[in-house]
């Protein structure tokens, strides 16, 4: 499974904050130097999903704040551990309640 993750380095603690749209927000203690923040993100997500750290890796954006993380686990296992992104809000239908259509 692949996830988009927004990383805040140099936080007071390692923490999965939650979903912000379709991006999972996380905070990690290490600074983004020498890949330490990426390692901390992978370990944090691995611990949450109950997989070994080697089952989680950054596949895109290793030097960016928003990364693509790949997890070697069943989608259902990942969703149980960290939830799913919220559904898109329903779009307004023309002529629906509160519409100004005549």
PDB file of N, CA and C in Angstrom:
ATOM      1  N   UNK A   1       0.845  -1.174   0.000  1.00  0.00           N
ATOM      2  CA  UNK A   1       0.000   0.000   0.000  1.00  0.00           C
ATOM      3  C   UNK A   1       0.890   1.236   0.000  1.00  0.00           C
ATOM      4  N   UNK A   2       0.457   2.261  -0.698  1.00  0.00           N
ATOM      5  CA  UNK A   2       1.190   3.530  -0.735  1.00  0.00           C
ATOM      6  C   UNK A   2       0.358   4.628  -0.095  1.00  0.00           C
ATOM      7  N   UNK A   3       1.044   5.514   0.635  1.00  0.00           N
ATOM      8  CA  UNK A   3       0.405   6.637   1.309  1.00  0.00           C
ATOM      9  C   UNK A   3       1.191   7.904   1.026  1.00  0.00           C
ATOM     10  N   UNK A   4       0.486   9.022   0.936  1.00  0.00           N
ATOM     11  CA  UNK A   4       1.145  10.329   0.933  1.00  0.00           C
ATOM     12  C   UNK A   4       1.227  10.779   2.375  1.00  0.00           C
ATOM     13  N   UNK A   5       2.422  11.214   2.778  1.00  0.00           N
ATOM     14  CA  UNK A   5       2.678  11.585   4.161  1.00  0.00           C
ATOM     15  C   UNK A   5       3.313  12.965   4.191  1.00  0.00           C
ATOM     16  N   UNK A   6       2.777  13.854   5.049  1.00  0.00           N
ATOM     17  CA  UNK A   6       3.374  15.174   5.256  1.00  0.00           C
ATOM     18  C   UNK A   6       4.138  15.124   6.572  1.00  0.00           C
ATOM     19  N   UNK A   7       5.426  15.381   6.510  1.00  0.00           N
ATOM     20  CA  UNK A   7       6.311  15.227   7.665  1.00  0.00           C
ATOM     21  C   UNK A   7       6.680  16.581   8.253  1.00  0.00           C
ATOM     22  N   UNK A   8       6.545  16.684   9.574  1.00  0.00           N
ATOM     23  CA  UNK A   8       7.040  17.846  10.311  1.00  0.00           C
ATOM     24  C   UNK A   8       8.212  17.355  11.160  1.00  0.00           C
ATOM     25  N   UNK A   9       9.437  17.703  10.766  1.00  0.00           N
ATOM     26  CA  UNK A   9      10.609  17.280  11.547  1.00  0.00           C
ATOM     27  C   UNK A   9      10.826  18.199  12.739  1.00  0.00           C
ATOM     28  N   UNK A  10      11.758  17.817  13.609  1.00  0.00           N
ATOM     29  CA  UNK A  10      12.141  18.580  14.793  1.00  0.00           C
ATOM     30  C   UNK A  10      10.956  18.841  15.710  1.00  0.00           C
ATOM     31  N   UNK A  11      10.074  17.850  15.826  1.00  0.00           N
ATOM     32  CA  UNK A  11       8.918  17.962  16.720  1.00  0.00           C
ATOM     33  C   UNK A  11       9.323  17.550  18.133  1.00  0.00           C
ATOM     34  N   UNK A  12       8.465  17.822  19.094  1.00  0.00           N
ATOM     35  CA  UNK A  12       8.775  17.451  20.476  1.00  0.00           C
ATOM     36  C   UNK A  12       8.647  15.953  20.704  1.00  0.00           C
ATOM     37  N   UNK A  13       7.872  15.271  19.854  1.00  0.00           N
ATOM     38  CA  UNK A  13       7.736  13.813  19.960  1.00  0.00           C
ATOM     39  C   UNK A  13       7.331  13.240  18.615  1.00  0.00           C
ATOM     40  N   UNK A  14       7.555  11.939  18.453  1.00  0.00           N
ATOM     41  CA  UNK A  14       7.110  11.245  17.249  1.00  0.00           C
ATOM     42  C   UNK A  14       5.621  10.973  17.397  1.00  0.00           C
ATOM     43  N   UNK A  15       4.847  11.310  16.358  1.00  0.00           N
ATOM     44  CA  UNK A  15       3.400  11.200  16.472  1.00  0.00           C
ATOM     45  C   UNK A  15       2.747  11.155  15.094  1.00  0.00           C
ATOM     46  N   UNK A  16       1.751  10.282  14.959  1.00  0.00           N
ATOM     47  CA  UNK A  16       0.884  10.324  13.782  1.00  0.00           C
ATOM     48  C   UNK A  16      -0.244  11.268  14.153  1.00  0.00           C
ATOM     49  N   UNK A  17      -0.332  12.391  13.454  1.00  0.00           N
ATOM     50  CA  UNK A  17      -1.300  13.440  13.775  1.00  0.00           C
ATOM     51  C   UNK A  17      -2.686  13.065  13.250  1.00  0.00           C
ATOM     52  N   UNK A  18      -2.741  12.561  12.030  1.00  0.00           N
ATOM     53  CA  UNK A  18      -4.018  12.184  11.436  1.00  0.00           C
ATOM     54  C   UNK A  18      -4.084  12.623   9.991  1.00  0.00           C
ATOM     55  N   UNK A  19      -5.226  12.393   9.395  1.00  0.00           N
ATOM     56  CA  UNK A  19      -5.417  12.696   7.983  1.00  0.00           C
ATOM     57  C   UNK A  19      -5.753  14.159   7.787  1.00  0.00           C
ATOM     58  N   UNK A  20      -5.105  14.767   6.829  1.00  0.00           N
ATOM     59  CA  UNK A  20      -5.383  16.132   6.371  1.00  0.00           C
ATOM     60  C   UNK A  20      -5.722  16.001   4.898  1.00  0.00           C
ATOM     61  N   UNK A  21      -6.999  15.810   4.612  1.00  0.00           N
ATOM     62  CA  UNK A  21      -7.396  15.484   3.252  1.00  0.00           C
ATOM     63  C   UNK A  21      -6.930  14.077   2.953  1.00  0.00           C
ATOM     64  N   UNK A  22      -6.219  13.884   1.861  1.00  0.00           N
ATOM     65  CA  UNK A  22      -5.735  12.548   1.516  1.00  0.00           C
ATOM     66  C   UNK A  22      -4.266  12.337   1.875  1.00  0.00           C
ATOM     67  N   UNK A  23      -3.736  13.205   2.751  1.00  0.00           N
ATOM     68  CA  UNK A  23      -2.343  13.127   3.181  1.00  0.00           C
ATOM     69  C   UNK A  23      -2.301  12.858   4.686  1.00  0.00           C
ATOM     70  N   UNK A  24      -1.500  11.881   5.094  1.00  0.00           N
ATOM     71  CA  UNK A  24      -1.334  11.567   6.505  1.00  0.00           C
ATOM     72  C   UNK A  24      -0.269  12.496   7.096  1.00  0.00           C
ATOM     73  N   UNK A  25      -0.621  13.231   8.139  1.00  0.00           N
ATOM     74  CA  UNK A  25       0.326  14.145   8.790  1.00  0.00           C
ATOM     75  C   UNK A  25       1.031  13.420   9.932  1.00  0.00           C
ATOM     76  N   UNK A  26       2.364  13.528   9.962  1.00  0.00           N
ATOM     77  CA  UNK A  26       3.153  12.936  11.040  1.00  0.00           C
ATOM     78  C   UNK A  26       4.179  13.948  11.524  1.00  0.00           C
ATOM     79  N   UNK A  27       4.581  13.779  12.796  1.00  0.00           N
ATOM     80  CA  UNK A  27       5.644  14.601  13.380  1.00  0.00           C
ATOM     81  C   UNK A  27       6.717  13.661  13.897  1.00  0.00           C
ATOM     82  N   UNK A  28       7.963  14.036  13.661  1.00  0.00           N
ATOM     83  CA  UNK A  28       9.081  13.227  14.162  1.00  0.00           C
ATOM     84  C   UNK A  28      10.123  14.136  14.800  1.00  0.00           C
ATOM     85  N   UNK A  29      10.846  13.596  15.778  1.00  0.00           N
ATOM     86  CA  UNK A  29      11.860  14.358  16.513  1.00  0.00           C
ATOM     87  C   UNK A  29      13.075  14.730  15.663  1.00  0.00           C
ATOM     88  N   UNK A  30      13.646  13.782  14.893  1.00  0.00           N
ATOM     89  CA  UNK A  30      14.899  14.099  14.196  1.00  0.00           C
ATOM     90  C   UNK A  30      14.755  15.227  13.172  1.00  0.00           C
ATOM     91  N   UNK A  31      15.848  15.931  13.004  1.00  0.00           N
ATOM     92  CA  UNK A  31      15.936  16.946  11.948  1.00  0.00           C
ATOM     93  C   UNK A  31      16.091  16.235  10.608  1.00  0.00           C
ATOM     94  N   UNK A  32      15.723  16.921   9.529  1.00  0.00           N
ATOM     95  CA  UNK A  32      15.830  16.293   8.209  1.00  0.00           C
ATOM     96  C   UNK A  32      17.258  16.331   7.664  1.00  0.00           C
ATOM     97  N   UNK A  33      18.179  15.765   8.417  1.00  0.00           N
ATOM     98  CA  UNK A  33      19.590  15.750   8.023  1.00  0.00           C
ATOM     99  C   UNK A  33      20.058  14.312   7.930  1.00  0.00           C
ATOM    100  N   UNK A  34      20.666  13.967   6.824  1.00  0.00           N
ATOM    101  CA  UNK A  34      21.206  12.629   6.651  1.00  0.00           C
ATOM    102  C   UNK A  34      20.147  11.537   6.610  1.00  0.00           C
ATOM    103  N   UNK A  35      18.915  11.911   6.282  1.00  0.00           N
ATOM    104  CA  UNK A  35      17.852  10.921   6.169  1.00  0.00           C
ATOM    105  C   UNK A  35      17.281  10.455   7.503  1.00  0.00           C
ATOM    106  N   UNK A  36      17.686  11.108   8.600  1.00  0.00           N
ATOM    107  CA  UNK A  36      17.215  10.664   9.929  1.00  0.00           C
ATOM    108  C   UNK A  36      15.712  10.825  10.096  1.00  0.00           C
ATOM    109  N   UNK A  37      15.141  11.904   9.571  1.00  0.00           N
ATOM    110  CA  UNK A  37      13.687  12.100   9.686  1.00  0.00           C
ATOM    111  C   UNK A  37      12.940  11.023   8.895  1.00  0.00           C
ATOM    112  N   UNK A  38      13.457  10.658   7.728  1.00  0.00           N
ATOM    113  CA  UNK A  38      12.819   9.603   6.928  1.00  0.00           C
ATOM    114  C   UNK A  38      12.828   8.271   7.674  1.00  0.00           C
ATOM    115  N   UNK A  39      13.933   7.957   8.311  1.00  0.00           N
ATOM    116  CA  UNK A  39      14.035   6.715   9.091  1.00  0.00           C
ATOM    117  C   UNK A  39      13.017   6.742  10.229  1.00  0.00           C
ATOM    118  N   UNK A  40      12.900   7.892  10.898  1.00  0.00           N
ATOM    119  CA  UNK A  40      11.956   8.016  12.006  1.00  0.00           C
ATOM    120  C   UNK A  40      10.514   7.859  11.520  1.00  0.00           C
ATOM    121  N   UNK A  41      10.195   8.411  10.362  1.00  0.00           N
ATOM    122  CA  UNK A  41       8.844   8.269   9.793  1.00  0.00           C
ATOM    123  C   UNK A  41       8.556   6.793   9.519  1.00  0.00           C
ATOM    124  N   UNK A  42       9.488   6.114   8.898  1.00  0.00           N
ATOM    125  CA  UNK A  42       9.286   4.693   8.581  1.00  0.00           C
ATOM    126  C   UNK A  42       9.119   3.866   9.849  1.00  0.00           C
ATOM    127  N   UNK A  43       9.922   4.143  10.862  1.00  0.00           N
ATOM    128  CA  UNK A  43       9.797   3.398  12.128  1.00  0.00           C
ATOM    129  C   UNK A  43       8.474   3.688  12.821  1.00  0.00           C
ATOM    130  N   UNK A  44       8.042   4.945  12.808  1.00  0.00           N
ATOM    131  CA  UNK A  44       6.778   5.330  13.429  1.00  0.00           C
ATOM    132  C   UNK A  44       5.600   4.624  12.758  1.00  0.00           C
ATOM    133  N   UNK A  45       5.575   4.644  11.440  1.00  0.00           N
ATOM    134  CA  UNK A  45       4.477   3.998  10.714  1.00  0.00           C
ATOM    135  C   UNK A  45       4.546   2.485  10.882  1.00  0.00           C
ATOM    136  N   UNK A  46       5.740   1.923  10.846  1.00  0.00           N
ATOM    137  CA  UNK A  46       5.890   0.473  11.043  1.00  0.00           C
ATOM    138  C   UNK A  46       5.360   0.054  12.412  1.00  0.00           C
ATOM    139  N   UNK A  47       5.672   0.811  13.435  1.00  0.00           N
ATOM    140  CA  UNK A  47       5.192   0.482  14.780  1.00  0.00           C
ATOM    141  C   UNK A  47       3.670   0.566  14.847  1.00  0.00           C
ATOM    142  N   UNK A  48       3.090   1.570  14.209  1.00  0.00           N
ATOM    143  CA  UNK A  48       1.633   1.737  14.227  1.00  0.00           C
ATOM    144  C   UNK A  48       0.921   0.600  13.508  1.00  0.00           C
ATOM    145  N   UNK A  49       1.519   0.133  12.403  1.00  0.00           N
ATOM    146  CA  UNK A  49       0.896  -0.901  11.572  1.00  0.00           C
ATOM    147  C   UNK A  49       1.278  -2.310  12.047  1.00  0.00           C
ATOM    148  N   UNK A  50       2.252  -2.398  12.960  1.00  0.00           N
ATOM    149  CA  UNK A  50       2.722  -3.687  13.486  1.00  0.00           C
ATOM    150  C   UNK A  50       3.408  -4.529  12.412  1.00  0.00           C
ATOM    151  N   UNK A  51       4.338  -3.863  11.706  1.00  0.00           N
ATOM    152  CA  UNK A  51       5.185  -4.548  10.736  1.00  0.00           C
ATOM    153  C   UNK A  51       6.625  -4.168  11.054  1.00  0.00           C
ATOM    154  N   UNK A  52       7.601  -4.937  10.588  1.00  0.00           N
ATOM    155  CA  UNK A  52       9.000  -4.556  10.829  1.00  0.00           C
ATOM    156  C   UNK A  52       9.349  -3.261  10.090  1.00  0.00           C
ATOM    157  N   UNK A  53      10.282  -2.484  10.614  1.00  0.00           N
ATOM    158  CA  UNK A  53      10.677  -1.236   9.947  1.00  0.00           C
ATOM    159  C   UNK A  53      11.121  -1.447   8.495  1.00  0.00           C
ATOM    160  N   UNK A  54      11.650  -2.614   8.190  1.00  0.00           N
ATOM    161  CA  UNK A  54      12.083  -2.882   6.817  1.00  0.00           C
ATOM    162  C   UNK A  54      10.906  -2.997   5.844  1.00  0.00           C
ATOM    163  N   UNK A  55       9.675  -3.100   6.365  1.00  0.00           N
ATOM    164  CA  UNK A  55       8.486  -3.210   5.514  1.00  0.00           C
ATOM    165  C   UNK A  55       7.925  -1.844   5.126  1.00  0.00           C
ATOM    166  N   UNK A  56       8.563  -0.770   5.584  1.00  0.00           N
ATOM    167  CA  UNK A  56       8.102   0.588   5.285  1.00  0.00           C
ATOM    168  C   UNK A  56       9.267   1.366   4.680  1.00  0.00           C
ATOM    169  N   UNK A  57       9.015   2.028   3.561  1.00  0.00           N
ATOM    170  CA  UNK A  57      10.095   2.784   2.919  1.00  0.00           C
ATOM    171  C   UNK A  57       9.541   3.998   2.176  1.00  0.00           C
ATOM    172  N   UNK A  58      10.393   5.001   2.039  1.00  0.00           N
ATOM    173  CA  UNK A  58      10.073   6.196   1.259  1.00  0.00           C
ATOM    174  C   UNK A  58      10.378   5.869  -0.196  1.00  0.00           C
ATOM    175  N   UNK A  59       9.375   5.976  -1.064  1.00  0.00           N
ATOM    176  CA  UNK A  59       9.591   5.665  -2.475  1.00  0.00           C
ATOM    177  C   UNK A  59       9.633   6.916  -3.352  1.00  0.00           C
ATOM    178  N   UNK A  60       9.189   8.041  -2.782  1.00  0.00           N
ATOM    179  CA  UNK A  60       9.231   9.292  -3.541  1.00  0.00           C
ATOM    180  C   UNK A  60       9.264  10.455  -2.556  1.00  0.00           C
ATOM    181  N   UNK A  61      10.064  11.465  -2.851  1.00  0.00           N
ATOM    182  CA  UNK A  61      10.104  12.665  -2.022  1.00  0.00           C
ATOM    183  C   UNK A  61      10.977  12.554  -0.798  1.00  0.00           C
ATOM    184  N   UNK A  62      12.054  11.816  -0.875  1.00  0.00           N
ATOM    185  CA  UNK A  62      12.904  11.631   0.314  1.00  0.00           C
ATOM    186  C   UNK A  62      13.447  12.948   0.858  1.00  0.00           C
ATOM    187  N   UNK A  63      13.601  13.961   0.020  1.00  0.00           N
ATOM    188  CA  UNK A  63      14.093  15.257   0.480  1.00  0.00           C
ATOM    189  C   UNK A  63      13.001  16.296   0.620  1.00  0.00           C
ATOM    190  N   UNK A  64      11.751  15.883   0.468  1.00  0.00           N
ATOM    191  CA  UNK A  64      10.625  16.817   0.518  1.00  0.00           C
ATOM    192  C   UNK A  64       9.800  16.607   1.776  1.00  0.00           C
ATOM    193  N   UNK A  65       8.990  17.585   2.088  1.00  0.00           N
ATOM    194  CA  UNK A  65       8.114  17.488   3.255  1.00  0.00           C
ATOM    195  C   UNK A  65       6.984  16.481   3.008  1.00  0.00           C
ATOM    196  N   UNK A  66       6.467  16.442   1.778  1.00  0.00           N
ATOM    197  CA  UNK A  66       5.425  15.470   1.436  1.00  0.00           C
ATOM    198  C   UNK A  66       6.085  14.318   0.695  1.00  0.00           C
ATOM    199  N   UNK A  67       5.888  13.119   1.228  1.00  0.00           N
ATOM    200  CA  UNK A  67       6.558  11.920   0.724  1.00  0.00           C
ATOM    201  C   UNK A  67       5.530  10.874   0.347  1.00  0.00           C
ATOM    202  N   UNK A  68       5.933   9.951  -0.494  1.00  0.00           N
ATOM    203  CA  UNK A  68       5.135   8.759  -0.746  1.00  0.00           C
ATOM    204  C   UNK A  68       5.817   7.615  -0.024  1.00  0.00           C
ATOM    205  N   UNK A  69       5.049   6.974   0.855  1.00  0.00           N
ATOM    206  CA  UNK A  69       5.544   5.862   1.667  1.00  0.00           C
ATOM    207  C   UNK A  69       4.904   4.579   1.151  1.00  0.00           C
ATOM    208  N   UNK A  70       5.694   3.530   1.043  1.00  0.00           N
ATOM    209  CA  UNK A  70       5.161   2.224   0.660  1.00  0.00           C
ATOM    210  C   UNK A  70       5.266   1.300   1.867  1.00  0.00           C
ATOM    211  N   UNK A  71       4.155   0.595   2.148  1.00  0.00           N
ATOM    212  CA  UNK A  71       4.096  -0.311   3.290  1.00  0.00           C
ATOM    213  C   UNK A  71       3.786  -1.706   2.774  1.00  0.00           C
ATOM    214  N   UNK A  72       4.638  -2.672   3.123  1.00  0.00           N
ATOM    215  CA  UNK A  72       4.396  -4.061   2.756  1.00  0.00           C
ATOM    216  C   UNK A  72       3.436  -4.674   3.772  1.00  0.00           C
ATOM    217  N   UNK A  73       2.157  -4.422   3.579  1.00  0.00           N
ATOM    218  CA  UNK A  73       1.112  -4.942   4.462  1.00  0.00           C
ATOM    219  C   UNK A  73      -0.204  -4.892   3.692  1.00  0.00           C
ATOM    220  N   UNK A  74      -1.159  -5.653   4.162  1.00  0.00           N
ATOM    221  CA  UNK A  74      -2.490  -5.635   3.554  1.00  0.00           C
ATOM    222  C   UNK A  74      -3.134  -4.271   3.801  1.00  0.00           C
ATOM    223  N   UNK A  75      -3.893  -3.789   2.819  1.00  0.00           N
ATOM    224  CA  UNK A  75      -4.568  -2.504   2.961  1.00  0.00           C
ATOM    225  C   UNK A  75      -5.426  -2.465   4.224  1.00  0.00           C
ATOM    226  N   UNK A  76      -6.145  -3.543   4.496  1.00  0.00           N
ATOM    227  CA  UNK A  76      -7.028  -3.587   5.666  1.00  0.00           C
ATOM    228  C   UNK A  76      -6.231  -3.433   6.959  1.00  0.00           C
ATOM    229  N   UNK A  77      -5.055  -4.028   7.034  1.00  0.00           N
ATOM    230  CA  UNK A  77      -4.213  -3.920   8.223  1.00  0.00           C
ATOM    231  C   UNK A  77      -3.777  -2.471   8.437  1.00  0.00           C
ATOM    232  N   UNK A  78      -3.394  -1.799   7.349  1.00  0.00           N
ATOM    233  CA  UNK A  78      -2.962  -0.407   7.441  1.00  0.00           C
ATOM    234  C   UNK A  78      -4.137   0.471   7.860  1.00  0.00           C
ATOM    235  N   UNK A  79      -5.301   0.254   7.261  1.00  0.00           N
ATOM    236  CA  UNK A  79      -6.480   1.076   7.591  1.00  0.00           C
ATOM    237  C   UNK A  79      -6.916   0.885   9.041  1.00  0.00           C
ATOM    238  N   UNK A  80      -6.818  -0.349   9.550  1.00  0.00           N
ATOM    239  CA  UNK A  80      -7.160  -0.577  10.960  1.00  0.00           C
ATOM    240  C   UNK A  80      -6.229   0.203  11.878  1.00  0.00           C
ATOM    241  N   UNK A  81      -4.963   0.284  11.496  1.00  0.00           N
ATOM    242  CA  UNK A  81      -3.957   0.920  12.346  1.00  0.00           C
ATOM    243  C   UNK A  81      -3.992   2.442  12.281  1.00  0.00           C
ATOM    244  N   UNK A  82      -4.118   2.991  11.083  1.00  0.00           N
ATOM    245  CA  UNK A  82      -4.026   4.451  10.944  1.00  0.00           C
ATOM    246  C   UNK A  82      -5.247   5.085  10.310  1.00  0.00           C
ATOM    247  N   UNK A  83      -6.266   4.302  10.032  1.00  0.00           N
ATOM    248  CA  UNK A  83      -7.477   4.850   9.440  1.00  0.00           C
ATOM    249  C   UNK A  83      -7.336   5.063   7.952  1.00  0.00           C
ATOM    250  N   UNK A  84      -8.328   5.689   7.386  1.00  0.00           N
ATOM    251  CA  UNK A  84      -8.376   5.984   5.956  1.00  0.00           C
ATOM    252  C   UNK A  84      -8.575   7.475   5.771  1.00  0.00           C
ATOM    253  N   UNK A  85      -8.163   7.995   4.633  1.00  0.00           N
ATOM    254  CA  UNK A  85      -8.438   9.412   4.376  1.00  0.00           C
ATOM    255  C   UNK A  85      -9.938   9.639   4.367  1.00  0.00           C
ATOM    256  N   UNK A  86     -10.391  10.808   4.809  1.00  0.00           N
ATOM    257  CA  UNK A  86     -11.822  11.086   4.791  1.00  0.00           C
ATOM    258  C   UNK A  86     -12.352  11.097   3.367  1.00  0.00           C
ATOM    259  N   UNK A  87     -13.600  10.731   3.240  1.00  0.00           N
ATOM    260  CA  UNK A  87     -14.242  10.754   1.927  1.00  0.00           C
ATOM    261  C   UNK A  87     -14.389  12.201   1.471  1.00  0.00           C
ATOM    262  N   UNK A  88     -14.427  12.400   0.154  1.00  0.00           N
ATOM    263  CA  UNK A  88     -14.684  13.740  -0.373  1.00  0.00           C
ATOM    264  C   UNK A  88     -16.103  14.135   0.003  1.00  0.00           C
ATOM    265  N   UNK A  89     -16.326  15.402   0.365  1.00  0.00           N
ATOM    266  CA  UNK A  89     -17.686  15.819   0.676  1.00  0.00           C
ATOM    267  C   UNK A  89     -18.559  15.719  -0.568  1.00  0.00           C
ATOM    268  N   UNK A  90     -19.838  15.393  -0.414  1.00  0.00           N
ATOM    269  CA  UNK A  90     -20.699  15.294  -1.589  1.00  0.00           C
ATOM    270  C   UNK A  90     -20.818  16.644  -2.276  1.00  0.00           C
ATOM    271  N   UNK A  91     -20.851  16.612  -3.594  1.00  0.00           N
ATOM    272  CA  UNK A  91     -20.970  17.862  -4.337  1.00  0.00           C
ATOM    273  C   UNK A  91     -22.421  18.314  -4.330  1.00  0.00           C
ATOM    274  N   UNK A  92     -22.614  19.607  -4.458  1.00  0.00           N
ATOM    275  CA  UNK A  92     -23.978  20.137  -4.515  1.00  0.00           C
ATOM    276  C   UNK A  92     -24.584  19.810  -5.851  1.00  0.00           C
ATOM    277  N   UNK A  93     -25.796  19.405  -5.830  1.00  0.00           N
ATOM    278  CA  UNK A  93     -26.522  19.081  -7.054  1.00  0.00           C
ATOM    279  C   UNK A  93     -27.412  20.260  -7.400  1.00  0.00           C
ATOM    280  N   UNK A  94     -27.363  20.679  -8.661  1.00  0.00           N
ATOM    281  CA  UNK A  94     -28.204  21.808  -9.083  1.00  0.00           C
ATOM    282  C   UNK A  94     -29.657  21.472  -8.791  1.00  0.00           C
ATOM    283  N   UNK A  95     -30.360  22.463  -8.199  1.00  0.00           N
ATOM    284  CA  UNK A  95     -31.768  22.290  -7.900  1.00  0.00           C
ATOM    285  C   UNK A  95     -32.013  21.638  -6.553  1.00  0.00           C
ATOM    286  N   UNK A  96     -30.928  21.333  -5.817  1.00  0.00           N
ATOM    287  CA  UNK A  96     -31.058  20.684  -4.506  1.00  0.00           C
ATOM    288  C   UNK A  96     -31.467  21.692  -3.447  1.00  0.00           C
ATOM    289  N   UNK A  97     -31.585  21.223  -2.219  1.00  0.00           N
ATOM    290  CA  UNK A  97     -31.984  22.078  -1.105  1.00  0.00           C
ATOM    291  C   UNK A  97     -31.018  23.247  -0.987  1.00  0.00           C
ATOM    292  N   UNK A  98     -31.559  24.430  -0.785  1.00  0.00           N
ATOM    293  CA  UNK A  98     -30.732  25.616  -0.624  1.00  0.00           C
ATOM    294  C   UNK A  98     -30.219  26.177  -1.932  1.00  0.00           C
ATOM    295  N   UNK A  99     -30.667  25.636  -3.038  1.00  0.00           N
ATOM    296  CA  UNK A  99     -30.198  26.096  -4.333  1.00  0.00           C
ATOM    297  C   UNK A  99     -30.966  27.348  -4.751  1.00  0.00           C
ATOM    298  N   UNK A 100     -30.293  28.209  -5.490  1.00  0.00           N
ATOM    299  CA  UNK A 100     -30.942  29.430  -5.987  1.00  0.00           C
ATOM    300  C   UNK A 100     -31.520  29.215  -7.379  1.00  0.00           C
ATOM    301  N   UNK A 101     -31.454  27.987  -7.891  1.00  0.00           N
ATOM    302  CA  UNK A 101     -32.000  27.697  -9.222  1.00  0.00           C
ATOM    303  C   UNK A 101     -33.503  27.910  -9.226  1.00  0.00           C
ATOM    304  N   UNK A 102     -34.019  28.479 -10.334  1.00  0.00           N
ATOM    305  CA  UNK A 102     -35.469  28.713 -10.435  1.00  0.00           C
ATOM    306  C   UNK A 102     -36.068  27.818 -11.465  1.00  0.00           C
TER     307      UNK A 102
END
